[in-house]
N, C-alpha and C. Protein backbone atom coordinates (compact mmCIF):
# COMPACT_ATOMS: atom_id res chain seq x y z
N MET A 1 163.97 -12.21 0.64
CA MET A 1 164.75 -13.01 -0.31
C MET A 1 165.61 -12.08 -1.13
N ARG A 2 166.84 -12.45 -1.37
CA ARG A 2 167.80 -11.60 -2.10
C ARG A 2 168.15 -12.30 -3.40
N PHE A 3 168.25 -11.52 -4.46
CA PHE A 3 168.69 -12.08 -5.73
C PHE A 3 169.54 -11.04 -6.41
N GLY A 4 170.38 -11.47 -7.34
CA GLY A 4 171.24 -10.55 -8.06
C GLY A 4 172.38 -11.27 -8.70
N PRO A 5 173.47 -10.55 -9.05
CA PRO A 5 174.61 -11.19 -9.73
C PRO A 5 175.28 -12.23 -8.84
N ALA A 6 176.00 -13.12 -9.49
CA ALA A 6 176.71 -14.15 -8.74
C ALA A 6 177.88 -13.58 -7.97
N ASP A 7 178.43 -12.46 -8.45
CA ASP A 7 179.57 -11.84 -7.77
C ASP A 7 179.07 -11.15 -6.50
N PRO A 8 179.55 -11.56 -5.31
CA PRO A 8 179.06 -10.98 -4.06
C PRO A 8 179.43 -9.49 -3.91
N ASN A 9 180.37 -9.01 -4.67
CA ASN A 9 180.78 -7.61 -4.57
C ASN A 9 179.82 -6.65 -5.27
N GLU A 10 179.03 -7.21 -6.16
CA GLU A 10 178.07 -6.37 -6.85
C GLU A 10 176.80 -6.23 -6.01
N ILE A 11 176.09 -5.19 -6.26
CA ILE A 11 174.88 -4.88 -5.49
C ILE A 11 173.73 -5.68 -6.04
N GLY A 12 173.02 -6.38 -5.14
CA GLY A 12 171.86 -7.16 -5.54
C GLY A 12 170.56 -6.48 -5.17
N GLN A 13 169.46 -7.22 -5.33
CA GLN A 13 168.13 -6.71 -5.01
C GLN A 13 167.50 -7.61 -3.96
N LYS A 14 166.56 -7.09 -3.19
CA LYS A 14 165.84 -7.83 -2.17
C LYS A 14 164.35 -7.77 -2.46
N ILE A 15 163.64 -8.87 -2.16
CA ILE A 15 162.18 -8.94 -2.28
C ILE A 15 161.64 -9.45 -0.97
N LEU A 16 160.71 -8.78 -0.39
CA LEU A 16 160.09 -9.17 0.86
C LEU A 16 158.71 -9.71 0.58
N THR A 17 158.38 -10.94 1.12
CA THR A 17 157.06 -11.58 0.94
C THR A 17 156.58 -12.04 2.29
N ASP A 18 155.30 -12.41 2.33
CA ASP A 18 154.74 -12.99 3.56
C ASP A 18 155.31 -14.39 3.76
N GLU A 19 155.32 -14.85 4.99
CA GLU A 19 155.84 -16.18 5.33
C GLU A 19 154.93 -17.25 4.74
N LEU A 20 155.56 -18.28 4.07
CA LEU A 20 154.83 -19.40 3.47
C LEU A 20 155.06 -20.66 4.29
N THR A 21 153.96 -21.39 4.57
CA THR A 21 154.04 -22.63 5.36
C THR A 21 153.59 -23.80 4.51
N ALA A 22 154.36 -24.91 4.48
CA ALA A 22 154.01 -26.14 3.73
C ALA A 22 153.82 -27.29 4.70
N LYS A 23 152.70 -28.01 4.54
CA LYS A 23 152.38 -29.14 5.41
C LYS A 23 152.38 -30.41 4.57
N VAL A 24 153.14 -31.46 4.99
CA VAL A 24 153.24 -32.74 4.28
C VAL A 24 152.49 -33.79 5.06
N GLU A 25 151.52 -34.47 4.44
CA GLU A 25 150.73 -35.50 5.10
C GLU A 25 150.92 -36.83 4.39
N SER A 26 150.85 -37.96 5.12
CA SER A 26 150.98 -39.31 4.56
C SER A 26 149.67 -39.72 3.92
N VAL A 27 149.74 -40.44 2.82
CA VAL A 27 148.54 -40.94 2.14
C VAL A 27 148.03 -42.21 2.80
N VAL A 28 148.84 -42.84 3.71
CA VAL A 28 148.42 -44.05 4.42
C VAL A 28 147.68 -43.66 5.67
N PRO A 29 146.49 -44.25 5.90
CA PRO A 29 145.75 -43.92 7.14
C PRO A 29 146.55 -44.28 8.37
N ASP A 30 146.22 -43.64 9.47
CA ASP A 30 146.95 -43.89 10.71
C ASP A 30 146.81 -45.32 11.18
N THR A 31 145.59 -45.91 11.05
CA THR A 31 145.36 -47.30 11.50
C THR A 31 146.17 -48.29 10.67
N ALA A 32 146.22 -48.07 9.37
CA ALA A 32 146.99 -48.98 8.49
C ALA A 32 148.47 -48.89 8.78
N ALA A 33 148.91 -47.68 9.09
CA ALA A 33 150.33 -47.51 9.39
C ALA A 33 150.73 -48.27 10.64
N GLN A 34 149.81 -48.39 11.59
CA GLN A 34 150.12 -49.09 12.83
C GLN A 34 150.09 -50.60 12.68
N THR A 35 149.21 -51.09 11.77
CA THR A 35 149.06 -52.55 11.64
C THR A 35 149.96 -53.14 10.55
N GLN A 36 149.99 -52.49 9.35
CA GLN A 36 150.71 -53.07 8.22
C GLN A 36 152.17 -52.67 8.17
N LEU A 37 152.50 -51.54 8.68
CA LEU A 37 153.88 -51.06 8.59
C LEU A 37 154.62 -51.26 9.89
N ASP A 38 154.21 -52.26 10.63
CA ASP A 38 154.87 -52.54 11.90
C ASP A 38 156.24 -53.15 11.63
N ILE A 39 157.26 -52.58 12.12
CA ILE A 39 158.62 -53.06 11.93
C ILE A 39 159.01 -53.92 13.12
N ARG A 40 159.34 -55.17 12.84
CA ARG A 40 159.72 -56.09 13.90
C ARG A 40 161.18 -55.89 14.28
N GLU A 41 161.47 -56.36 15.44
CA GLU A 41 162.83 -56.24 15.91
C GLU A 41 163.73 -57.22 15.15
N SER A 42 164.92 -56.82 14.82
CA SER A 42 165.85 -57.67 14.06
C SER A 42 166.38 -58.78 14.95
N MET A 43 166.65 -59.93 14.28
CA MET A 43 167.20 -61.09 15.00
C MET A 43 168.72 -61.02 14.97
N SER A 44 169.29 -61.53 15.98
CA SER A 44 170.75 -61.57 16.03
C SER A 44 171.28 -62.61 15.05
N PRO A 45 172.40 -62.39 14.38
CA PRO A 45 172.94 -63.34 13.39
C PRO A 45 173.34 -64.66 14.03
N LEU A 46 173.16 -65.76 13.22
CA LEU A 46 173.54 -67.10 13.69
C LEU A 46 175.05 -67.24 13.67
N GLU A 47 175.53 -67.90 14.64
CA GLU A 47 176.97 -68.11 14.72
C GLU A 47 177.35 -69.42 14.04
N LEU A 48 178.35 -69.38 13.15
CA LEU A 48 178.87 -70.56 12.48
C LEU A 48 179.90 -71.24 13.38
N PRO A 49 179.99 -72.57 13.25
CA PRO A 49 181.00 -73.26 14.07
C PRO A 49 182.40 -72.79 13.69
N ARG A 50 183.17 -72.53 14.64
CA ARG A 50 184.50 -72.00 14.39
C ARG A 50 185.50 -73.09 14.02
N THR A 51 185.25 -74.35 14.37
CA THR A 51 186.18 -75.45 14.08
C THR A 51 185.41 -76.61 13.44
N ILE A 52 186.10 -77.41 12.56
CA ILE A 52 185.52 -78.60 11.92
C ILE A 52 185.93 -79.82 12.74
N PRO A 53 184.98 -80.72 13.04
CA PRO A 53 185.32 -81.91 13.84
C PRO A 53 186.46 -82.71 13.20
N TRP A 54 187.29 -83.33 14.01
CA TRP A 54 188.44 -84.07 13.53
C TRP A 54 188.05 -85.28 12.68
N TRP A 55 186.86 -85.88 12.98
CA TRP A 55 186.49 -87.09 12.24
C TRP A 55 186.13 -86.79 10.80
N VAL A 56 185.79 -85.52 10.50
CA VAL A 56 185.51 -85.16 9.10
C VAL A 56 186.78 -85.29 8.27
N PHE A 57 187.91 -84.85 8.82
CA PHE A 57 189.19 -84.97 8.12
C PHE A 57 189.57 -86.43 7.93
N VAL A 58 189.31 -87.27 8.95
CA VAL A 58 189.66 -88.69 8.86
C VAL A 58 188.87 -89.36 7.75
N ILE A 59 187.55 -89.09 7.70
CA ILE A 59 186.71 -89.70 6.66
C ILE A 59 187.16 -89.24 5.27
N GLY A 60 187.48 -87.96 5.14
CA GLY A 60 187.93 -87.46 3.84
C GLY A 60 189.21 -88.12 3.38
N ILE A 61 190.16 -88.30 4.31
CA ILE A 61 191.43 -88.94 3.96
C ILE A 61 191.21 -90.39 3.55
N LEU A 62 190.32 -91.10 4.27
CA LEU A 62 190.04 -92.50 3.93
C LEU A 62 189.40 -92.62 2.55
N LEU A 63 188.47 -91.73 2.24
CA LEU A 63 187.82 -91.76 0.93
C LEU A 63 188.82 -91.51 -0.19
N LEU A 64 189.69 -90.53 -0.01
CA LEU A 64 190.70 -90.26 -1.01
C LEU A 64 191.64 -91.44 -1.20
N ALA A 65 192.02 -92.10 -0.09
CA ALA A 65 192.89 -93.27 -0.18
C ALA A 65 192.21 -94.41 -0.93
N ALA A 66 190.91 -94.61 -0.65
CA ALA A 66 190.17 -95.69 -1.33
C ALA A 66 190.07 -95.41 -2.83
N LEU A 67 189.80 -94.16 -3.20
CA LEU A 67 189.72 -93.82 -4.62
C LEU A 67 191.06 -94.00 -5.32
N ALA A 68 192.13 -93.59 -4.65
CA ALA A 68 193.46 -93.74 -5.25
C ALA A 68 193.82 -95.21 -5.43
N ALA A 69 193.50 -96.04 -4.43
CA ALA A 69 193.80 -97.47 -4.53
C ALA A 69 192.99 -98.13 -5.65
N GLY A 70 191.71 -97.76 -5.76
CA GLY A 70 190.87 -98.32 -6.81
C GLY A 70 191.37 -97.94 -8.20
N TYR A 71 191.76 -96.69 -8.35
CA TYR A 71 192.28 -96.25 -9.65
C TYR A 71 193.58 -96.97 -9.98
N TYR A 72 194.46 -97.13 -9.02
CA TYR A 72 195.73 -97.83 -9.26
C TYR A 72 195.49 -99.28 -9.66
N TYR A 73 194.57 -99.95 -8.97
CA TYR A 73 194.26 -101.35 -9.28
C TYR A 73 193.68 -101.48 -10.69
N TRP A 74 192.78 -100.55 -11.04
CA TRP A 74 192.16 -100.59 -12.36
C TRP A 74 193.19 -100.39 -13.47
N ARG A 75 194.10 -99.42 -13.28
CA ARG A 75 195.13 -99.19 -14.29
C ARG A 75 196.08 -100.37 -14.41
N LYS A 76 196.38 -100.99 -13.28
CA LYS A 76 197.29 -102.14 -13.31
C LYS A 76 196.67 -103.31 -14.06
N ARG A 77 195.39 -103.60 -13.78
CA ARG A 77 194.71 -104.70 -14.46
C ARG A 77 194.59 -104.43 -15.96
N ARG A 78 194.31 -103.20 -16.29
CA ARG A 78 194.18 -102.84 -17.70
C ARG A 78 195.51 -103.00 -18.44
N THR A 79 196.60 -102.59 -17.79
CA THR A 79 197.91 -102.72 -18.40
C THR A 79 198.30 -104.19 -18.56
N GLN A 80 198.01 -105.00 -17.55
CA GLN A 80 198.33 -106.42 -17.63
C GLN A 80 197.53 -107.11 -18.72
N LYS A 81 196.26 -106.75 -18.82
CA LYS A 81 195.42 -107.37 -19.84
C LYS A 81 195.88 -107.02 -21.24
N ALA A 82 196.31 -105.77 -21.42
CA ALA A 82 196.79 -105.34 -22.74
C ALA A 82 198.11 -106.02 -23.09
N ALA A 83 198.90 -106.33 -22.06
CA ALA A 83 200.21 -106.95 -22.31
C ALA A 83 200.11 -108.45 -22.56
N GLU A 84 199.02 -109.08 -22.11
CA GLU A 84 198.88 -110.53 -22.27
C GLU A 84 198.59 -110.87 -23.73
N PRO A 85 199.38 -111.73 -24.34
CA PRO A 85 199.12 -112.12 -25.74
C PRO A 85 197.89 -113.02 -25.83
N GLU A 86 197.11 -112.83 -26.87
CA GLU A 86 195.93 -113.67 -27.08
C GLU A 86 196.37 -115.06 -27.53
N THR A 87 195.73 -116.07 -26.97
CA THR A 87 196.05 -117.45 -27.34
C THR A 87 195.48 -117.75 -28.71
N PRO A 88 196.30 -118.09 -29.68
CA PRO A 88 195.78 -118.36 -31.03
C PRO A 88 194.90 -119.60 -31.04
N LEU A 89 193.90 -119.56 -31.90
CA LEU A 89 193.01 -120.71 -32.03
C LEU A 89 193.70 -121.81 -32.82
N LEU A 90 193.37 -123.04 -32.47
CA LEU A 90 193.87 -124.19 -33.21
C LEU A 90 193.11 -124.31 -34.52
N PRO A 91 193.68 -124.99 -35.52
CA PRO A 91 193.01 -125.08 -36.83
C PRO A 91 191.58 -125.61 -36.76
N HIS A 92 191.36 -126.65 -35.95
CA HIS A 92 190.00 -127.19 -35.89
C HIS A 92 189.04 -126.23 -35.20
N GLU A 93 189.56 -125.42 -34.24
CA GLU A 93 188.71 -124.44 -33.59
C GLU A 93 188.29 -123.34 -34.57
N ILE A 94 189.20 -122.96 -35.44
CA ILE A 94 188.86 -121.97 -36.47
C ILE A 94 187.80 -122.54 -37.41
N ALA A 95 187.95 -123.80 -37.78
CA ALA A 95 186.99 -124.43 -38.68
C ALA A 95 185.60 -124.50 -38.03
N TYR A 96 185.55 -124.91 -36.76
CA TYR A 96 184.26 -124.97 -36.06
C TYR A 96 183.62 -123.57 -36.00
N ARG A 97 184.43 -122.59 -35.66
CA ARG A 97 183.89 -121.23 -35.56
C ARG A 97 183.35 -120.75 -36.91
N ASP A 98 184.10 -120.99 -37.97
CA ASP A 98 183.67 -120.52 -39.29
C ASP A 98 182.43 -121.26 -39.78
N MET A 99 182.32 -122.54 -39.45
CA MET A 99 181.12 -123.27 -39.84
C MET A 99 179.89 -122.76 -39.10
N GLU A 100 180.06 -122.45 -37.84
CA GLU A 100 178.94 -121.89 -37.07
C GLU A 100 178.47 -120.57 -37.67
N ARG A 101 179.43 -119.70 -38.00
CA ARG A 101 179.07 -118.41 -38.57
C ARG A 101 178.38 -118.59 -39.92
N LEU A 102 178.87 -119.54 -40.71
CA LEU A 102 178.26 -119.79 -42.02
C LEU A 102 176.82 -120.28 -41.87
N LEU A 103 176.59 -121.22 -40.97
CA LEU A 103 175.23 -121.72 -40.77
C LEU A 103 174.30 -120.64 -40.23
N ALA A 104 174.85 -119.73 -39.42
CA ALA A 104 174.03 -118.67 -38.84
C ALA A 104 173.54 -117.69 -39.90
N GLU A 105 174.23 -117.59 -41.03
CA GLU A 105 173.82 -116.66 -42.09
C GLU A 105 172.64 -117.19 -42.91
N LYS A 106 172.36 -118.49 -42.80
CA LYS A 106 171.20 -119.10 -43.46
C LYS A 106 171.18 -118.81 -44.97
N LEU A 107 172.33 -119.04 -45.62
CA LEU A 107 172.41 -118.80 -47.06
C LEU A 107 171.54 -119.77 -47.86
N ILE A 108 171.46 -121.02 -47.40
CA ILE A 108 170.64 -122.00 -48.11
C ILE A 108 169.17 -121.57 -48.08
N GLU A 109 168.70 -121.12 -46.92
CA GLU A 109 167.31 -120.67 -46.81
C GLU A 109 167.04 -119.45 -47.70
N ARG A 110 168.07 -118.67 -47.98
CA ARG A 110 167.91 -117.49 -48.82
C ARG A 110 168.15 -117.78 -50.30
N GLY A 111 168.36 -119.07 -50.62
CA GLY A 111 168.53 -119.46 -52.02
C GLY A 111 169.93 -119.23 -52.56
N GLU A 112 170.92 -119.00 -51.70
CA GLU A 112 172.28 -118.74 -52.16
C GLU A 112 173.14 -119.99 -51.96
N SER A 113 172.76 -121.07 -52.64
CA SER A 113 173.45 -122.35 -52.48
C SER A 113 174.89 -122.29 -52.97
N LYS A 114 175.10 -121.62 -54.11
CA LYS A 114 176.46 -121.56 -54.68
C LYS A 114 177.42 -120.88 -53.72
N LEU A 115 177.00 -119.75 -53.14
CA LEU A 115 177.85 -119.04 -52.18
C LEU A 115 178.08 -119.89 -50.93
N PHE A 116 177.05 -120.60 -50.49
CA PHE A 116 177.20 -121.45 -49.30
C PHE A 116 178.26 -122.53 -49.54
N TYR A 117 178.19 -123.21 -50.69
CA TYR A 117 179.14 -124.28 -50.97
C TYR A 117 180.55 -123.74 -51.20
N LEU A 118 180.65 -122.57 -51.80
CA LEU A 118 181.95 -121.95 -51.99
C LEU A 118 182.63 -121.70 -50.65
N ARG A 119 181.91 -121.15 -49.72
CA ARG A 119 182.49 -120.85 -48.41
C ARG A 119 182.72 -122.11 -47.59
N LEU A 120 181.84 -123.08 -47.71
CA LEU A 120 182.02 -124.33 -46.96
C LEU A 120 183.28 -125.06 -47.42
N SER A 121 183.49 -125.13 -48.73
CA SER A 121 184.68 -125.80 -49.24
C SER A 121 185.95 -125.02 -48.87
N ASN A 122 185.86 -123.68 -48.83
CA ASN A 122 187.03 -122.88 -48.43
C ASN A 122 187.38 -123.11 -46.95
N ILE A 123 186.36 -123.30 -46.13
CA ILE A 123 186.63 -123.59 -44.71
C ILE A 123 187.45 -124.86 -44.58
N LEU A 124 187.06 -125.89 -45.31
CA LEU A 124 187.80 -127.16 -45.22
C LEU A 124 189.19 -127.04 -45.85
N ARG A 125 189.29 -126.32 -46.95
CA ARG A 125 190.58 -126.14 -47.61
C ARG A 125 191.57 -125.41 -46.69
N HIS A 126 191.10 -124.34 -46.03
CA HIS A 126 191.97 -123.59 -45.13
C HIS A 126 192.32 -124.43 -43.89
N TYR A 127 191.41 -125.27 -43.47
CA TYR A 127 191.72 -126.16 -42.34
C TYR A 127 192.85 -127.11 -42.73
N ILE A 128 192.78 -127.66 -43.94
CA ILE A 128 193.82 -128.60 -44.39
C ILE A 128 195.17 -127.89 -44.47
N GLU A 129 195.16 -126.65 -44.96
CA GLU A 129 196.41 -125.89 -45.06
C GLU A 129 196.98 -125.60 -43.67
N ASP A 130 196.12 -125.13 -42.74
CA ASP A 130 196.60 -124.80 -41.39
C ASP A 130 197.00 -126.04 -40.60
N ARG A 131 196.30 -127.12 -40.81
CA ARG A 131 196.55 -128.33 -40.01
C ARG A 131 197.71 -129.15 -40.56
N PHE A 132 197.79 -129.28 -41.91
CA PHE A 132 198.78 -130.19 -42.50
C PHE A 132 199.81 -129.48 -43.39
N GLY A 133 199.64 -128.18 -43.61
CA GLY A 133 200.61 -127.45 -44.43
C GLY A 133 200.45 -127.66 -45.92
N LEU A 134 199.36 -128.23 -46.37
CA LEU A 134 199.10 -128.42 -47.80
C LEU A 134 198.43 -127.17 -48.37
N ARG A 135 198.82 -126.75 -49.56
CA ARG A 135 198.28 -125.54 -50.17
C ARG A 135 196.94 -125.82 -50.86
N ALA A 136 195.99 -126.26 -50.11
CA ALA A 136 194.68 -126.61 -50.67
C ALA A 136 193.91 -125.40 -51.21
N PRO A 137 193.92 -124.23 -50.53
CA PRO A 137 193.11 -123.11 -51.04
C PRO A 137 193.58 -122.57 -52.38
N GLU A 138 194.87 -122.77 -52.75
CA GLU A 138 195.41 -122.17 -53.95
C GLU A 138 195.27 -123.07 -55.18
N ARG A 139 194.75 -124.27 -55.04
CA ARG A 139 194.69 -125.21 -56.14
C ARG A 139 193.25 -125.56 -56.49
N THR A 140 193.09 -125.96 -57.74
CA THR A 140 191.78 -126.45 -58.15
C THR A 140 191.54 -127.80 -57.50
N THR A 141 190.30 -128.26 -57.60
CA THR A 141 189.97 -129.55 -56.99
C THR A 141 190.80 -130.68 -57.61
N GLU A 142 190.93 -130.68 -58.95
CA GLU A 142 191.67 -131.74 -59.60
C GLU A 142 193.16 -131.69 -59.24
N GLU A 143 193.73 -130.49 -59.16
CA GLU A 143 195.14 -130.38 -58.77
C GLU A 143 195.36 -130.89 -57.35
N PHE A 144 194.44 -130.54 -56.49
CA PHE A 144 194.58 -130.98 -55.10
C PHE A 144 194.39 -132.49 -54.98
N LEU A 145 193.47 -133.05 -55.75
CA LEU A 145 193.23 -134.50 -55.68
C LEU A 145 194.42 -135.29 -56.21
N VAL A 146 195.12 -134.73 -57.20
CA VAL A 146 196.32 -135.40 -57.70
C VAL A 146 197.38 -135.47 -56.61
N GLU A 147 197.59 -134.37 -55.91
CA GLU A 147 198.55 -134.37 -54.80
C GLU A 147 198.07 -135.27 -53.67
N LEU A 148 196.76 -135.26 -53.45
CA LEU A 148 196.20 -136.06 -52.36
C LEU A 148 196.39 -137.55 -52.62
N ARG A 149 196.33 -137.94 -53.91
CA ARG A 149 196.44 -139.36 -54.25
C ARG A 149 197.79 -139.93 -53.85
N ASN A 150 198.83 -139.11 -53.94
CA ASN A 150 200.18 -139.59 -53.62
C ASN A 150 200.62 -139.20 -52.21
N SER A 151 199.73 -138.57 -51.46
CA SER A 151 200.10 -138.11 -50.12
C SER A 151 199.94 -139.24 -49.11
N LEU A 152 200.87 -139.24 -48.15
CA LEU A 152 200.80 -140.21 -47.06
C LEU A 152 200.20 -139.58 -45.80
N THR A 153 199.73 -138.35 -45.93
CA THR A 153 199.20 -137.63 -44.77
C THR A 153 197.87 -138.21 -44.32
N PHE A 154 197.03 -138.61 -45.28
CA PHE A 154 195.69 -139.10 -44.97
C PHE A 154 195.57 -140.58 -45.30
N ASP A 155 194.70 -141.24 -44.57
CA ASP A 155 194.42 -142.64 -44.88
C ASP A 155 193.41 -142.69 -46.01
N PRO A 156 193.23 -143.84 -46.64
CA PRO A 156 192.32 -143.94 -47.80
C PRO A 156 190.90 -143.48 -47.49
N ARG A 157 190.44 -143.73 -46.28
CA ARG A 157 189.07 -143.35 -45.93
C ARG A 157 188.90 -141.83 -45.99
N HIS A 158 189.87 -141.10 -45.48
CA HIS A 158 189.78 -139.63 -45.51
C HIS A 158 190.00 -139.08 -46.91
N LYS A 159 190.81 -139.77 -47.71
CA LYS A 159 191.00 -139.35 -49.09
C LYS A 159 189.68 -139.46 -49.86
N ASP A 160 188.97 -140.56 -49.67
CA ASP A 160 187.68 -140.73 -50.35
C ASP A 160 186.67 -139.69 -49.87
N LEU A 161 186.70 -139.38 -48.58
CA LEU A 161 185.78 -138.39 -48.04
C LEU A 161 186.05 -137.01 -48.67
N LEU A 162 187.32 -136.63 -48.76
CA LEU A 162 187.66 -135.35 -49.37
C LEU A 162 187.29 -135.32 -50.85
N LYS A 163 187.58 -136.38 -51.56
CA LYS A 163 187.28 -136.44 -52.98
C LYS A 163 185.79 -136.28 -53.24
N SER A 164 184.96 -136.97 -52.48
CA SER A 164 183.51 -136.89 -52.65
C SER A 164 183.00 -135.50 -52.28
N PHE A 165 183.51 -134.95 -51.21
CA PHE A 165 183.06 -133.64 -50.74
C PHE A 165 183.40 -132.54 -51.74
N LEU A 166 184.66 -132.49 -52.18
CA LEU A 166 185.10 -131.42 -53.06
C LEU A 166 184.41 -131.48 -54.43
N ARG A 167 184.20 -132.68 -54.97
CA ARG A 167 183.54 -132.80 -56.27
C ARG A 167 182.06 -132.43 -56.17
N HIS A 168 181.44 -132.76 -55.07
CA HIS A 168 180.04 -132.34 -54.88
C HIS A 168 179.96 -130.81 -54.79
N CYS A 169 180.89 -130.17 -54.10
CA CYS A 169 180.90 -128.71 -54.02
C CYS A 169 181.09 -128.09 -55.39
N ASP A 170 181.96 -128.68 -56.22
CA ASP A 170 182.19 -128.15 -57.56
C ASP A 170 180.94 -128.27 -58.44
N MET A 171 180.17 -129.32 -58.25
CA MET A 171 178.93 -129.48 -59.03
C MET A 171 177.96 -128.34 -58.73
N VAL A 172 177.91 -127.92 -57.48
CA VAL A 172 177.01 -126.81 -57.11
C VAL A 172 177.59 -125.48 -57.58
N LYS A 173 178.90 -125.30 -57.44
CA LYS A 173 179.53 -124.02 -57.76
C LYS A 173 179.62 -123.77 -59.27
N PHE A 174 179.90 -124.84 -60.05
CA PHE A 174 180.18 -124.63 -61.46
C PHE A 174 179.18 -125.28 -62.41
N ALA A 175 178.47 -126.30 -61.96
CA ALA A 175 177.53 -127.01 -62.84
C ALA A 175 176.09 -126.66 -62.55
N GLU A 176 175.88 -125.63 -61.72
CA GLU A 176 174.53 -125.15 -61.40
C GLU A 176 173.64 -126.23 -60.79
N LEU A 177 174.24 -127.17 -60.08
CA LEU A 177 173.43 -128.19 -59.40
C LEU A 177 172.68 -127.54 -58.24
N GLN A 178 171.40 -127.85 -58.13
CA GLN A 178 170.59 -127.37 -57.02
C GLN A 178 170.51 -128.48 -55.98
N PRO A 179 171.25 -128.38 -54.91
CA PRO A 179 171.30 -129.47 -53.93
C PRO A 179 170.00 -129.59 -53.15
N THR A 180 169.68 -130.82 -52.81
CA THR A 180 168.53 -131.05 -51.94
C THR A 180 168.94 -130.78 -50.49
N SER A 181 167.97 -130.75 -49.61
CA SER A 181 168.27 -130.52 -48.19
C SER A 181 169.12 -131.65 -47.63
N ASP A 182 168.88 -132.89 -48.11
CA ASP A 182 169.71 -134.01 -47.65
C ASP A 182 171.15 -133.87 -48.12
N GLU A 183 171.33 -133.39 -49.35
CA GLU A 183 172.69 -133.20 -49.86
C GLU A 183 173.42 -132.09 -49.11
N VAL A 184 172.69 -131.04 -48.76
CA VAL A 184 173.30 -129.95 -47.97
C VAL A 184 173.73 -130.48 -46.61
N ASP A 185 172.84 -131.22 -45.96
CA ASP A 185 173.18 -131.80 -44.66
C ASP A 185 174.36 -132.75 -44.77
N GLY A 186 174.41 -133.52 -45.87
CA GLY A 186 175.52 -134.45 -46.07
C GLY A 186 176.84 -133.72 -46.26
N ALA A 187 176.82 -132.57 -46.98
CA ALA A 187 178.05 -131.81 -47.19
C ALA A 187 178.55 -131.22 -45.87
N ILE A 188 177.62 -130.70 -45.09
CA ILE A 188 178.01 -130.15 -43.78
C ILE A 188 178.57 -131.26 -42.90
N GLY A 189 177.91 -132.42 -42.91
CA GLY A 189 178.36 -133.54 -42.10
C GLY A 189 179.74 -134.03 -42.53
N SER A 190 179.99 -134.05 -43.85
CA SER A 190 181.29 -134.52 -44.33
C SER A 190 182.41 -133.56 -43.90
N CYS A 191 182.13 -132.27 -44.00
CA CYS A 191 183.13 -131.28 -43.59
C CYS A 191 183.44 -131.41 -42.10
N LYS A 192 182.41 -131.50 -41.31
CA LYS A 192 182.58 -131.61 -39.86
C LYS A 192 183.27 -132.93 -39.49
N ARG A 193 182.88 -134.00 -40.16
CA ARG A 193 183.45 -135.31 -39.86
C ARG A 193 184.94 -135.32 -40.15
N PHE A 194 185.35 -134.73 -41.28
CA PHE A 194 186.77 -134.71 -41.63
C PHE A 194 187.58 -133.93 -40.58
N VAL A 195 187.05 -132.80 -40.14
CA VAL A 195 187.74 -132.00 -39.12
C VAL A 195 187.80 -132.78 -37.81
N ASP A 196 186.69 -133.40 -37.42
CA ASP A 196 186.64 -134.15 -36.17
C ASP A 196 187.70 -135.27 -36.13
N GLU A 197 187.86 -135.95 -37.26
CA GLU A 197 188.70 -137.14 -37.28
C GLU A 197 190.17 -136.85 -37.56
N THR A 198 190.49 -135.62 -37.97
CA THR A 198 191.88 -135.32 -38.32
C THR A 198 192.47 -134.18 -37.48
N ARG A 199 191.73 -133.66 -36.55
CA ARG A 199 192.25 -132.55 -35.75
C ARG A 199 193.38 -133.05 -34.85
N ALA A 200 194.14 -132.10 -34.32
CA ALA A 200 195.30 -132.45 -33.50
C ALA A 200 194.88 -133.28 -32.30
N ALA A 201 195.71 -134.27 -31.96
CA ALA A 201 195.36 -135.15 -30.85
C ALA A 201 195.39 -134.41 -29.53
N LYS A 202 196.34 -133.47 -29.38
CA LYS A 202 196.45 -132.70 -28.15
C LYS A 202 195.63 -131.42 -28.29
N VAL A 203 194.54 -131.34 -27.56
CA VAL A 203 193.65 -130.18 -27.63
C VAL A 203 193.83 -129.36 -26.37
N GLU A 204 194.47 -128.20 -26.50
CA GLU A 204 194.70 -127.36 -25.33
C GLU A 204 193.44 -126.61 -24.92
N HIS A 205 192.59 -126.30 -25.90
CA HIS A 205 191.35 -125.56 -25.61
C HIS A 205 190.20 -126.32 -26.26
N PRO A 206 189.61 -127.29 -25.58
CA PRO A 206 188.54 -128.09 -26.18
C PRO A 206 187.43 -127.23 -26.69
N ALA A 207 186.96 -127.51 -27.88
CA ALA A 207 185.87 -126.72 -28.47
C ALA A 207 184.58 -127.02 -27.77
N THR A 208 183.83 -126.01 -27.46
CA THR A 208 182.53 -126.16 -26.81
C THR A 208 181.42 -125.85 -27.79
N SER A 209 181.76 -125.80 -29.07
CA SER A 209 180.82 -125.43 -30.11
C SER A 209 179.75 -126.51 -30.25
N ILE A 210 178.61 -126.11 -30.80
CA ILE A 210 177.54 -127.08 -31.08
C ILE A 210 177.97 -128.03 -32.19
N LEU A 211 179.04 -127.66 -32.91
CA LEU A 211 179.52 -128.52 -33.97
C LEU A 211 180.44 -129.62 -33.46
N THR A 212 180.89 -129.50 -32.22
CA THR A 212 181.85 -130.45 -31.66
C THR A 212 181.14 -131.73 -31.24
N THR A 213 181.72 -132.82 -31.57
CA THR A 213 181.12 -134.10 -31.16
C THR A 213 181.33 -134.31 -29.70
N ALA A 214 180.42 -135.04 -29.06
CA ALA A 214 180.51 -135.31 -27.62
C ALA A 214 181.59 -136.35 -27.38
């Protein structure tokens, strides 16, 4: 073995030793190496199809066409529906609807008689305004009754019905009258009866409400 400066031009030194032998052995026994470390032969790679069947393209095109047609139809229907004007309700239909909603709130059962009569009388007043053009909601009961007395719009029977109904409502609203169940039913019946008998003769959308007479 020679050692010395890195420069090959300089003189180095030599050391002579006996020959050294190194033996490397596996820590795995020979039997285990034959059984557990057996390397199997590799499998050849699978071949992928080089072409896609023609019917796959046909099915894909049909699906895309169906989706496009469905989307177009949906957008068209949505646009048409948004463009269609809503048919306005007739005055008596509004009155029936509002009476149903009022009864559904069960104000009488909750002890709110004054609020119930206030809203019931307003329903009839607004019906009279929408149906006949009279400014019933903006006037007191006495002011309205004075105009009603000289009006040719209603027959005497309907005038008496309105007079009785409105004065009974005022007794509950302003005189703290506690109505009986029969009086409540009578007020509801009077309101409904007046609407039934004075609504427009030509009904384009017949009411199917439970309040509508058969």
